[in-house]
Amino acid sequence: METIRVAAQTSGASSDPVVLNAAGYVVAHHKIEVASKVPGRVAWIGVEKGDQVKKGDVLVRLEDAEFRARVQQSEGNVAALKARLAELEAGSRPEEIRRAEANMGEARADLQKAKLDLDRARELSEAGVVSRQDFDNAKAAYDSQQARVQSLERSLELLRIGPRREEIESMRGQVRQAEGQLAYDRTILDATLIRAPVSGAILERNVEQGEFVTTGFVGDRGAKGYVVSLADLGDLQVELDISQDDFSKLHMGQKAKITTDAFRDREYDGELVEISPEADRQKATVQVKVQVLHPDEYMRPEMNANVAFLADQKPSADGAAAPTPSIRIPASAVRDGKVFLLADGKANARAVEVRRTRGGEAEIASGFSGGETLIVSPPEGLADGDSVREKRQP
């Protein structure tokens, strides 16, 4: 079948605005594999593939009985240490001081009695009435009671002074340490609720209820390393490998037209936003990414995509912008509002909008970006996907 290369014309002069055509794949700008901060068994999962989620939505809940027990233990430890700190900061209670004073008075009375017993034993021992052993016993009782009085005096003094500053500071440090452990345990408990880090669509659900999730290794039949993958489908790009021979035709910010094999009648505006800083030696290519400026629900990650890179619009001599290129094709190529393009030996139907027909030519308002291979006179019965043999017009 006869074919021609579709070209755009400006002001009657032949000018192809497409500098390069390339094929690639639609990819999400940011694809996130959502993993768990803590290992555990899946107790509940609330999303399916394709679901739309908002940032902060709970996606998966892990079993949390062990983590709740740790939080309760840490809360009790903090409460006990705070009570002890409050006791130290308040100092000795008046009741404790009065009790210590009472014990001191009793000990002094006992010391006075022991002193009288010792004096009496000395006199009797010197008179030979009692043995030397009785005197030694009285002396030992006196010394013991005297030591007790001294001990109670020191204890009473410490009660009146109150706790040492170093002891209070030490207890404050223990409280802060316990509070830190409590905050950590609460963070770990909260991590059993795995939330969406961004708004987007669920691309893959990787776990089921009862499966074990880990933060380390990933096994085919064992623990899983992530629970779901998601991406913002409003932020899509086309990833392409450009031959090094054609690389000089491209630059950052270059405009492009994007179509997909799935929906050939839909065209999207694009812009070159990323060029790899290094080439692929094995394939002799450079990877680039084109941002899809206004994607819709028909465009999805991993679709085949065709990108037509456009030439820059140059201003006219008077500084005005150059006229918009138009595309004209043989009127015989249009049948029932569509044309047939040739790609990989097959006919691909594409809907077009005809602005007007004149002199055997149809001026196309939309449906082409330029650079496509068009079947000039498609025969009756030609269908989308039919195999054809090309015979290009000179």
Protein backbone atom coordinates (compact mmCIF):
# COMPACT_ATOMS: atom_id res chain seq x y z
CA MET A 1 0.00 0.00 0.00
CA GLU A 2 1.16 3.52 -0.76
CA THR A 3 2.32 5.55 2.24
CA ILE A 4 3.63 9.02 2.90
CA ARG A 5 5.39 10.69 5.79
CA VAL A 6 3.07 13.13 7.56
CA ALA A 7 4.65 16.59 7.69
CA ALA A 8 3.59 19.97 9.08
CA GLN A 9 3.68 23.10 6.92
CA THR A 10 3.98 26.73 7.90
CA SER A 11 3.00 29.64 5.54
CA GLY A 12 2.96 27.36 2.55
CA ALA A 13 6.58 26.24 3.03
CA SER A 14 7.36 22.65 3.82
CA SER A 15 8.65 22.37 7.40
CA ASP A 16 8.49 19.29 9.62
CA PRO A 17 8.14 20.44 13.25
CA VAL A 18 8.94 16.92 14.49
CA VAL A 19 12.69 16.52 14.91
CA LEU A 20 12.60 13.02 16.37
CA ASN A 21 10.14 10.20 17.03
CA ALA A 22 10.88 7.71 19.79
CA ALA A 23 9.09 4.92 21.62
CA GLY A 24 9.21 4.23 25.34
CA TYR A 25 7.15 3.42 28.39
CA VAL A 26 4.93 5.42 30.72
CA VAL A 27 6.33 5.45 34.26
CA ALA A 28 5.24 7.03 37.52
CA HIS A 29 7.47 9.94 38.46
CA HIS A 30 7.65 8.66 42.03
CA LYS A 31 6.77 5.03 42.73
CA ILE A 32 6.85 4.19 46.43
CA GLU A 33 7.14 0.75 47.97
CA VAL A 34 5.62 1.22 51.42
CA ALA A 35 7.46 -0.86 54.03
CA SER A 36 7.01 -1.38 57.75
CA LYS A 37 9.24 0.15 60.42
CA VAL A 38 8.74 -2.86 62.69
CA PRO A 39 8.46 -6.60 62.06
CA GLY A 40 5.11 -8.22 62.74
CA ARG A 41 2.20 -10.27 61.48
CA VAL A 42 -0.49 -8.63 59.35
CA ALA A 43 -3.72 -8.34 61.36
CA TRP A 44 -5.70 -6.31 58.78
CA ILE A 45 -5.21 -4.85 55.31
CA GLY A 46 -7.64 -2.28 54.01
CA VAL A 47 -6.72 -1.63 50.36
CA GLU A 48 -6.92 -3.40 47.03
CA LYS A 49 -5.00 -2.85 43.81
CA GLY A 50 -6.27 0.29 42.07
CA ASP A 51 -7.68 1.95 45.21
CA GLN A 52 -7.13 5.68 45.60
CA VAL A 53 -5.68 6.65 48.99
CA LYS A 54 -4.87 9.93 50.70
CA LYS A 55 -1.75 10.80 52.64
CA GLY A 56 -2.05 9.43 56.19
CA ASP A 57 -4.66 6.75 55.41
CA VAL A 58 -4.07 3.46 57.25
CA LEU A 59 -3.19 0.77 54.71
CA VAL A 60 -2.17 -2.15 56.93
CA ARG A 61 -2.38 -2.89 60.66
CA LEU A 62 0.05 -5.30 62.34
CA GLU A 63 -0.59 -7.32 65.51
CA ASP A 64 0.30 -4.99 68.41
CA ALA A 65 -0.30 -6.84 71.73
CA GLU A 66 3.42 -7.10 72.49
CA PHE A 67 4.06 -3.43 71.70
CA ARG A 68 1.11 -2.29 73.85
CA ALA A 69 2.51 -4.29 76.79
CA ARG A 70 5.87 -2.54 76.41
CA VAL A 71 4.16 0.85 76.45
CA GLN A 72 2.28 -0.04 79.65
CA GLN A 73 5.51 -1.21 81.28
CA SER A 74 7.28 2.03 80.34
CA GLU A 75 4.35 4.13 81.59
CA GLY A 76 4.51 2.39 84.99
CA ASN A 77 8.28 2.91 85.22
CA VAL A 78 7.93 6.63 84.45
CA ALA A 79 5.17 7.03 87.07
CA ALA A 80 7.28 5.31 89.76
CA LEU A 81 10.38 7.40 89.04
CA LYS A 82 8.38 10.64 88.96
CA ALA A 83 6.88 9.80 92.36
CA ARG A 84 10.36 9.17 93.78
CA LEU A 85 11.63 12.47 92.30
CA ALA A 86 8.70 14.37 93.82
CA GLU A 87 9.50 12.81 97.20
CA LEU A 88 13.13 13.92 96.96
CA GLU A 89 12.24 17.44 95.81
CA ALA A 90 9.69 17.87 98.62
CA GLY A 91 12.30 16.93 101.27
CA SER A 92 11.53 15.26 104.61
CA ARG A 93 7.97 15.41 105.91
CA PRO A 94 7.35 17.02 109.31
CA GLU A 95 5.99 13.71 110.58
CA GLU A 96 9.28 11.98 109.76
CA ILE A 97 11.28 14.66 111.56
CA ARG A 98 9.05 14.47 114.67
CA ARG A 99 9.36 10.68 114.71
CA ALA A 100 13.14 10.96 114.43
CA GLU A 101 13.17 13.49 117.29
CA ALA A 102 11.09 11.13 119.42
CA ASN A 103 13.48 8.27 118.72
CA MET A 104 16.34 10.58 119.59
CA GLY A 105 14.76 11.51 122.92
CA GLU A 106 14.17 7.87 123.78
CA ALA A 107 17.77 6.98 122.89
CA ARG A 108 19.14 9.77 125.07
CA ALA A 109 17.00 8.58 127.98
CA ASP A 110 18.37 5.07 127.51
CA LEU A 111 21.88 6.53 127.37
CA GLN A 112 21.29 8.35 130.69
CA LYS A 113 20.12 5.12 132.29
CA ALA A 114 23.14 3.26 130.92
CA LYS A 115 25.38 5.97 132.38
CA LEU A 116 23.83 5.52 135.83
CA ASP A 117 24.18 1.72 135.58
CA LEU A 118 27.83 2.10 134.57
CA ASP A 119 28.59 4.44 137.52
CA ARG A 120 26.86 2.08 139.97
CA ALA A 121 28.76 -0.93 138.58
CA ARG A 122 32.07 0.94 138.89
CA GLU A 123 31.43 1.75 142.57
CA LEU A 124 30.35 -1.81 143.39
CA SER A 125 33.29 -3.25 141.45
CA GLU A 126 35.75 -1.06 143.36
CA ALA A 127 34.10 -2.14 146.65
CA GLY A 128 34.43 -5.78 145.57
CA VAL A 129 30.65 -6.35 145.69
CA VAL A 130 30.30 -7.29 142.00
CA SER A 131 32.70 -8.98 139.65
CA ARG A 132 34.79 -7.30 137.04
CA GLN A 133 32.59 -9.00 134.41
CA ASP A 134 29.48 -7.14 135.57
CA PHE A 135 31.36 -3.87 135.27
CA ASP A 136 32.49 -4.69 131.70
CA ASN A 137 28.92 -5.57 130.75
CA ALA A 138 27.66 -2.23 132.04
CA LYS A 139 30.47 -0.44 130.16
CA ALA A 140 29.60 -2.23 126.90
CA ALA A 141 25.90 -1.35 127.28
CA TYR A 142 26.78 2.29 127.79
CA ASP A 143 29.09 2.42 124.75
CA SER A 144 26.45 0.75 122.56
CA GLN A 145 23.76 3.18 123.63
CA GLN A 146 26.10 6.11 123.06
CA ALA A 147 26.80 4.95 119.47
CA ARG A 148 23.04 4.60 118.88
CA VAL A 149 22.47 8.16 120.04
CA GLN A 150 25.16 9.45 117.70
CA SER A 151 23.63 7.54 114.77
CA LEU A 152 20.16 8.92 115.46
CA GLU A 153 21.58 12.44 115.72
CA ARG A 154 23.12 12.13 112.24
CA SER A 155 19.89 10.71 110.81
CA LEU A 156 17.88 13.55 112.32
CA GLU A 157 20.30 16.09 110.91
CA LEU A 158 20.00 14.59 107.41
CA LEU A 159 16.22 14.65 107.65
CA ARG A 160 16.30 18.31 108.58
CA ILE A 161 18.70 19.11 105.69
CA GLY A 162 16.79 17.06 103.12
CA PRO A 163 18.11 15.09 100.07
CA ARG A 164 21.39 16.07 98.44
CA ARG A 165 21.25 18.04 95.18
CA GLU A 166 23.25 15.34 93.37
CA GLU A 167 20.69 12.72 94.42
CA ILE A 168 17.83 14.82 93.03
CA GLU A 169 19.66 15.45 89.74
CA SER A 170 20.41 11.75 89.43
CA MET A 171 16.72 10.95 89.86
CA ARG A 172 15.79 13.61 87.28
CA GLY A 173 18.13 11.93 84.82
CA GLN A 174 16.46 8.57 85.44
CA VAL A 175 13.05 10.16 84.80
CA ARG A 176 14.21 11.64 81.48
CA GLN A 177 15.68 8.30 80.45
CA ALA A 178 12.42 6.52 81.27
CA GLU A 179 10.40 9.15 79.38
CA GLY A 180 12.62 8.64 76.33
CA GLN A 181 12.03 4.90 76.47
CA LEU A 182 8.29 5.51 76.75
CA ALA A 183 8.33 7.83 73.71
CA TYR A 184 10.25 5.20 71.74
CA ASP A 185 7.83 2.43 72.72
CA ARG A 186 4.88 4.60 71.70
CA THR A 187 6.53 5.31 68.34
CA ILE A 188 7.02 1.59 67.75
CA LEU A 189 3.37 0.95 68.69
CA ASP A 190 2.20 3.65 66.26
CA ALA A 191 4.39 2.06 63.54
CA THR A 192 2.15 -1.02 63.61
CA LEU A 193 -0.32 1.19 61.69
CA ILE A 194 1.26 1.45 58.24
CA ARG A 195 0.01 4.65 56.60
CA ALA A 196 0.18 6.07 53.08
CA PRO A 197 3.16 8.48 52.87
CA VAL A 198 1.58 10.34 49.91
CA SER A 199 -1.73 10.48 48.10
CA GLY A 200 -1.98 8.20 45.10
CA ALA A 201 -3.20 4.89 43.66
CA ILE A 202 -2.31 1.42 44.91
CA LEU A 203 -0.27 -0.26 42.16
CA GLU A 204 0.41 -3.54 43.96
CA ARG A 205 -0.75 -5.26 47.16
CA ASN A 206 2.10 -7.45 48.38
CA VAL A 207 0.73 -9.02 51.60
CA GLU A 208 -2.28 -10.87 52.90
CA GLN A 209 -3.74 -11.17 56.40
CA GLY A 210 -1.63 -13.48 58.56
CA GLU A 211 1.61 -13.00 56.60
CA PHE A 212 4.75 -11.80 58.36
CA VAL A 213 6.32 -8.45 57.48
CA THR A 214 9.99 -7.82 58.14
CA THR A 215 12.30 -4.82 58.06
CA GLY A 216 15.30 -6.84 56.89
CA PHE A 217 15.45 -9.76 54.47
CA VAL A 218 12.81 -10.55 51.88
CA GLY A 219 11.91 -14.16 51.13
CA ASP A 220 9.74 -15.55 48.33
CA ARG A 221 7.75 -17.65 50.78
CA GLY A 222 8.77 -16.06 54.05
CA ALA A 223 8.56 -12.53 55.37
CA LYS A 224 7.73 -9.64 53.01
CA GLY A 225 9.85 -6.51 52.75
CA TYR A 226 7.04 -4.13 51.75
CA VAL A 227 3.25 -4.19 51.97
CA VAL A 228 2.04 -2.13 49.00
CA SER A 229 3.43 0.01 46.19
CA LEU A 230 1.72 3.24 45.21
CA ALA A 231 2.19 6.24 42.96
CA ASP A 232 0.55 9.54 42.09
CA LEU A 233 -1.03 8.87 38.68
CA GLY A 234 -1.34 12.61 38.14
CA ASP A 235 2.47 12.81 37.89
CA LEU A 236 3.50 10.59 34.97
CA GLN A 237 6.51 10.57 32.67
CA VAL A 238 7.58 8.71 29.53
CA GLU A 239 10.96 6.97 29.79
CA LEU A 240 12.85 6.62 26.51
CA ASP A 241 16.25 5.39 25.34
CA ILE A 242 17.54 7.77 22.67
CA SER A 243 20.21 6.65 20.24
CA GLN A 244 23.43 8.61 20.59
CA ASP A 245 23.16 9.50 16.89
CA ASP A 246 19.90 11.39 17.61
CA PHE A 247 20.80 12.78 21.01
CA SER A 248 21.97 16.14 19.61
CA LYS A 249 18.41 16.86 18.44
CA LEU A 250 17.13 17.12 22.03
CA HIS A 251 17.50 19.64 24.85
CA MET A 252 15.96 20.27 28.27
CA GLY A 253 12.53 21.86 28.15
CA GLN A 254 11.83 20.70 24.60
CA LYS A 255 8.13 20.32 23.78
CA ALA A 256 6.72 16.99 22.64
CA LYS A 257 3.51 15.22 21.68
CA ILE A 258 2.72 11.89 23.32
CA THR A 259 0.43 9.08 22.22
CA THR A 260 -0.07 5.56 23.57
CA ASP A 261 -0.62 2.30 21.72
CA ALA A 262 -3.68 1.61 23.86
CA PHE A 263 -5.48 4.86 22.94
CA ARG A 264 -4.01 6.12 19.67
CA ASP A 265 -6.68 8.78 19.25
CA ARG A 266 -5.64 10.57 22.45
CA GLU A 267 -2.73 12.99 22.33
CA TYR A 268 -0.92 14.55 25.29
CA ASP A 269 1.42 17.50 25.60
CA GLY A 270 4.84 16.76 27.04
CA GLU A 271 8.10 18.41 28.00
CA LEU A 272 11.61 16.97 28.25
CA VAL A 273 12.51 17.29 31.94
CA GLU A 274 15.30 14.79 32.57
CA ILE A 275 18.40 13.66 30.68
CA SER A 276 20.62 10.97 32.14
CA PRO A 277 24.11 12.28 33.02
CA GLU A 278 25.69 9.19 31.45
CA ALA A 279 25.11 7.07 28.36
CA ASP A 280 24.55 3.33 28.14
CA ARG A 281 27.70 1.93 26.53
CA GLN A 282 26.17 -1.43 25.66
CA LYS A 283 23.08 -0.04 23.91
CA ALA A 284 24.70 3.21 22.69
CA THR A 285 21.74 5.18 24.06
CA VAL A 286 21.00 7.98 26.51
CA GLN A 287 17.94 7.72 28.74
CA VAL A 288 15.60 10.71 28.86
CA LYS A 289 12.25 11.35 30.53
CA VAL A 290 9.38 13.43 29.17
CA GLN A 291 6.86 14.85 31.64
CA VAL A 292 3.22 14.28 30.67
CA LEU A 293 1.74 17.71 31.32
CA HIS A 294 -1.93 16.77 31.57
CA PRO A 295 -2.38 13.01 32.06
CA ASP A 296 -5.82 11.49 32.42
CA GLU A 297 -7.34 8.19 33.52
CA TYR A 298 -6.56 6.62 30.13
CA MET A 299 -2.81 6.85 30.65
CA ARG A 300 -1.30 4.33 33.05
CA PRO A 301 2.21 3.28 34.10
CA GLU A 302 4.00 0.68 31.94
CA MET A 303 1.96 1.50 28.82
CA ASN A 304 3.81 1.74 25.51
CA ALA A 305 4.12 5.37 24.48
CA ASN A 306 5.28 7.19 21.35
CA VAL A 307 6.86 10.62 21.68
CA ALA A 308 7.26 13.14 18.87
CA PHE A 309 9.84 15.77 19.86
CA LEU A 310 8.99 19.14 18.30
CA ALA A 311 11.29 21.75 16.83
CA ASP A 312 11.50 25.06 18.68
CA GLN A 313 9.20 27.82 17.37
CA LYS A 314 11.35 30.67 16.07
CA PRO A 315 10.03 34.26 16.03
CA SER A 316 9.57 36.09 12.72
CA ALA A 317 11.72 39.00 11.65
CA ASP A 318 9.39 41.54 13.28
CA GLY A 319 9.56 39.69 16.59
CA ALA A 320 6.11 38.07 16.38
CA ALA A 321 5.72 34.40 17.00
CA ALA A 322 5.82 32.17 13.94
CA PRO A 323 2.47 30.84 12.74
CA THR A 324 1.34 27.51 14.09
CA PRO A 325 2.30 24.65 11.73
CA SER A 326 -0.60 22.90 10.00
CA ILE A 327 -0.79 19.33 8.71
CA ARG A 328 -2.22 18.52 5.28
CA ILE A 329 -2.75 15.03 3.95
CA PRO A 330 -4.40 13.54 0.86
CA ALA A 331 -8.17 13.63 1.29
CA SER A 332 -8.30 10.02 0.11
CA ALA A 333 -6.54 8.97 3.32
CA VAL A 334 -9.50 10.05 5.49
CA ARG A 335 -12.38 7.61 5.79
CA ASP A 336 -15.28 8.09 8.22
CA GLY A 337 -13.31 10.52 10.37
CA LYS A 338 -10.25 8.34 10.75
CA VAL A 339 -7.01 7.46 8.99
CA PHE A 340 -4.71 4.45 9.02
CA LEU A 341 -1.07 4.74 10.10
CA LEU A 342 1.58 2.15 9.38
CA ALA A 343 3.72 0.94 12.27
CA ASP A 344 5.68 -2.32 12.51
CA GLY A 345 3.98 -3.70 9.41
CA LYS A 346 0.46 -3.22 10.73
CA ALA A 347 -2.33 -0.72 10.12
CA ASN A 348 -3.26 1.41 13.13
CA ALA A 349 -6.54 3.34 13.01
CA ARG A 350 -6.53 6.89 14.41
CA ALA A 351 -9.38 9.38 14.69
CA VAL A 352 -8.66 12.84 13.24
CA GLU A 353 -10.46 16.16 13.08
CA VAL A 354 -10.60 17.65 9.60
CA ARG A 355 -10.64 21.45 9.55
CA ARG A 356 -11.40 21.71 5.79
CA THR A 357 -10.88 19.90 2.50
CA ARG A 358 -9.64 21.73 -0.58
CA GLY A 359 -7.99 20.67 -3.81
CA GLY A 360 -7.79 17.01 -2.88
CA GLU A 361 -6.08 17.84 0.44
CA ALA A 362 -7.52 17.66 3.93
CA GLU A 363 -6.23 20.08 6.57
CA ILE A 364 -6.09 18.30 9.91
CA ALA A 365 -6.96 20.20 13.09
CA SER A 366 -6.01 17.43 15.55
CA GLY A 367 -4.93 13.82 15.59
CA PHE A 368 -1.36 14.17 14.25
CA SER A 369 1.86 15.45 15.74
CA GLY A 370 3.86 14.96 12.55
CA GLY A 371 6.32 12.29 11.49
CA GLU A 372 3.78 9.44 11.26
CA THR A 373 3.65 7.05 8.30
CA LEU A 374 0.21 7.45 6.65
CA ILE A 375 -1.55 4.97 4.33
CA VAL A 376 -2.64 7.17 1.41
CA SER A 377 -5.64 5.23 0.08
CA PRO A 378 -6.75 2.58 2.55
CA PRO A 379 -8.81 -0.11 0.82
CA GLU A 380 -12.34 -1.02 1.83
CA GLY A 381 -12.37 -3.57 4.63
CA LEU A 382 -8.99 -2.51 6.09
CA ALA A 383 -9.22 -2.90 9.88
CA ASP A 384 -7.13 -1.80 12.81
CA GLY A 385 -4.27 -4.25 13.33
CA ASP A 386 -4.26 -5.75 9.80
CA SER A 387 -0.86 -6.57 8.35
CA VAL A 388 0.09 -4.42 5.33
CA ARG A 389 3.03 -4.08 2.96
CA GLU A 390 4.44 -0.59 2.51
CA LYS A 391 4.94 1.10 -0.84
CA ARG A 392 5.99 4.66 -0.11
CA GLN A 393 5.26 7.49 -2.55
CA PRO A 394 8.33 9.19 -3.95
